[in-house]
Amino acid sequence: MSLQDDLNAVRRNLDELTRKVEQLEQKAARQRSAGPAATPDPSRMVTIPDTPYDNALWTDTDDEGLGARDRRAP
């Protein structure tokens, strides 16, 4: 690529970045004008039991990044 091609690519990317920032600013302004988000009702808390999960839930799972249980990791 020539220097001029590189400069044109930088200008295009900068223009696109400027457009995206303007879009984010507009979205933030709309959300600010909509008011604060509703706060969750603390009386609706869900209690998670300490009992172990059923092992049948995990029969077909692979360990993420490690492969299947019965095989060695790479």
C-alpha atoms as a PDB file:
ATOM      1  CA  MET A   1       0.000   0.000   0.000  1.00  0.00           C
ATOM      2  CA  SER A   2       1.133   3.499  -0.653  1.00  0.00           C
ATOM      3  CA  LEU A   3       1.265   6.209   1.959  1.00  0.00           C
ATOM      4  CA  GLN A   4      -1.795   7.847   0.403  1.00  0.00           C
ATOM      5  CA  ASP A   5      -3.775   4.592   0.629  1.00  0.00           C
ATOM      6  CA  ASP A   6      -2.801   4.263   4.278  1.00  0.00           C
ATOM      7  CA  LEU A   7      -3.870   7.838   5.004  1.00  0.00           C
ATOM      8  CA  ASN A   8      -7.207   7.295   3.257  1.00  0.00           C
ATOM      9  CA  ALA A   9      -7.807   4.147   5.306  1.00  0.00           C
ATOM     10  CA  VAL A  10      -6.996   6.026   8.517  1.00  0.00           C
ATOM     11  CA  ARG A  11      -9.397   8.830   7.553  1.00  0.00           C
ATOM     12  CA  ARG A  12     -12.186   6.337   6.826  1.00  0.00           C
ATOM     13  CA  ASN A  13     -11.632   4.573  10.135  1.00  0.00           C
ATOM     14  CA  LEU A  14     -11.525   7.868  12.011  1.00  0.00           C
ATOM     15  CA  ASP A  15     -14.757   9.006  10.345  1.00  0.00           C
ATOM     16  CA  GLU A  16     -16.438   5.733  11.271  1.00  0.00           C
ATOM     17  CA  LEU A  17     -15.186   6.023  14.845  1.00  0.00           C
ATOM     18  CA  THR A  18     -16.543   9.571  15.048  1.00  0.00           C
ATOM     19  CA  ARG A  19     -19.959   8.379  13.815  1.00  0.00           C
ATOM     20  CA  LYS A  20     -20.026   5.553  16.358  1.00  0.00           C
ATOM     21  CA  VAL A  21     -19.109   7.901  19.219  1.00  0.00           C
ATOM     22  CA  GLU A  22     -21.879  10.290  18.168  1.00  0.00           C
ATOM     23  CA  GLN A  23     -24.356   7.393  18.104  1.00  0.00           C
ATOM     24  CA  LEU A  24     -23.279   6.337  21.598  1.00  0.00           C
ATOM     25  CA  GLU A  25     -23.650   9.900  22.875  1.00  0.00           C
ATOM     26  CA  GLN A  26     -27.171  10.094  21.435  1.00  0.00           C
ATOM     27  CA  LYS A  27     -28.102   6.742  22.948  1.00  0.00           C
ATOM     28  CA  ALA A  28     -26.724   7.781  26.337  1.00  0.00           C
ATOM     29  CA  ALA A  29     -28.689  11.042  26.195  1.00  0.00           C
ATOM     30  CA  ARG A  30     -31.908   9.147  25.412  1.00  0.00           C
ATOM     31  CA  GLN A  31     -31.334   6.766  28.292  1.00  0.00           C
ATOM     32  CA  ARG A  32     -30.542   9.629  30.666  1.00  0.00           C
ATOM     33  CA  SER A  33     -33.750  11.415  29.701  1.00  0.00           C
ATOM     34  CA  ALA A  34     -35.764   8.231  30.248  1.00  0.00           C
ATOM     35  CA  GLY A  35     -35.004   8.442  33.965  1.00  0.00           C
ATOM     36  CA  PRO A  36     -33.416   5.997  36.342  1.00  0.00           C
ATOM     37  CA  ALA A  37     -33.929   2.294  35.896  1.00  0.00           C
ATOM     38  CA  ALA A  38     -36.337   0.591  38.227  1.00  0.00           C
ATOM     39  CA  THR A  39     -34.657  -0.823  41.286  1.00  0.00           C
ATOM     40  CA  PRO A  40     -35.348  -4.478  42.000  1.00  0.00           C
ATOM     41  CA  ASP A  41     -37.723  -5.289  44.808  1.00  0.00           C
ATOM     42  CA  PRO A  42     -35.580  -6.730  47.630  1.00  0.00           C
ATOM     43  CA  SER A  43     -38.512  -8.774  48.917  1.00  0.00           C
ATOM     44  CA  ARG A  44     -38.342 -10.922  45.783  1.00  0.00           C
ATOM     45  CA  MET A  45     -34.955 -12.468  46.516  1.00  0.00           C
ATOM     46  CA  VAL A  46     -34.504 -16.065  45.481  1.00  0.00           C
ATOM     47  CA  THR A  47     -32.791 -18.451  47.855  1.00  0.00           C
ATOM     48  CA  ILE A  48     -30.370 -20.858  46.209  1.00  0.00           C
ATOM     49  CA  PRO A  49     -30.205 -24.180  48.068  1.00  0.00           C
ATOM     50  CA  ASP A  50     -26.858 -25.604  49.207  1.00  0.00           C
ATOM     51  CA  THR A  51     -27.765 -29.104  48.087  1.00  0.00           C
ATOM     52  CA  PRO A  52     -25.569 -30.467  45.290  1.00  0.00           C
ATOM     53  CA  TYR A  53     -26.821 -30.542  41.728  1.00  0.00           C
ATOM     54  CA  ASP A  54     -27.977 -33.790  40.200  1.00  0.00           C
ATOM     55  CA  ASN A  55     -24.963 -35.377  38.432  1.00  0.00           C
ATOM     56  CA  ALA A  56     -27.238 -36.315  35.520  1.00  0.00           C
ATOM     57  CA  LEU A  57     -27.159 -32.637  34.525  1.00  0.00           C
ATOM     58  CA  TRP A  58     -23.478 -32.958  33.625  1.00  0.00           C
ATOM     59  CA  THR A  59     -23.376 -36.295  31.785  1.00  0.00           C
ATOM     60  CA  ASP A  60     -22.875 -34.880  28.274  1.00  0.00           C
ATOM     61  CA  THR A  61     -20.781 -31.840  29.144  1.00  0.00           C
ATOM     62  CA  ASP A  62     -17.223 -31.039  28.174  1.00  0.00           C
ATOM     63  CA  ASP A  63     -14.919 -29.005  30.349  1.00  0.00           C
ATOM     64  CA  GLU A  64     -14.614 -25.698  28.558  1.00  0.00           C
ATOM     65  CA  GLY A  65     -11.163 -25.371  27.089  1.00  0.00           C
ATOM     66  CA  LEU A  66     -10.105 -28.816  28.281  1.00  0.00           C
ATOM     67  CA  GLY A  67     -12.090 -31.140  26.056  1.00  0.00           C
ATOM     68  CA  ALA A  68     -14.097 -34.145  27.132  1.00  0.00           C
ATOM     69  CA  ARG A  69     -13.788 -35.648  30.607  1.00  0.00           C
ATOM     70  CA  ASP A  70     -12.434 -39.014  29.499  1.00  0.00           C
ATOM     71  CA  ARG A  71      -9.679 -37.533  27.323  1.00  0.00           C
ATOM     72  CA  ARG A  72      -6.535 -35.615  28.128  1.00  0.00           C
ATOM     73  CA  ALA A  73      -6.256 -31.897  27.594  1.00  0.00           C
ATOM     74  CA  PRO A  74      -4.115 -30.790  24.661  1.00  0.00           C
END
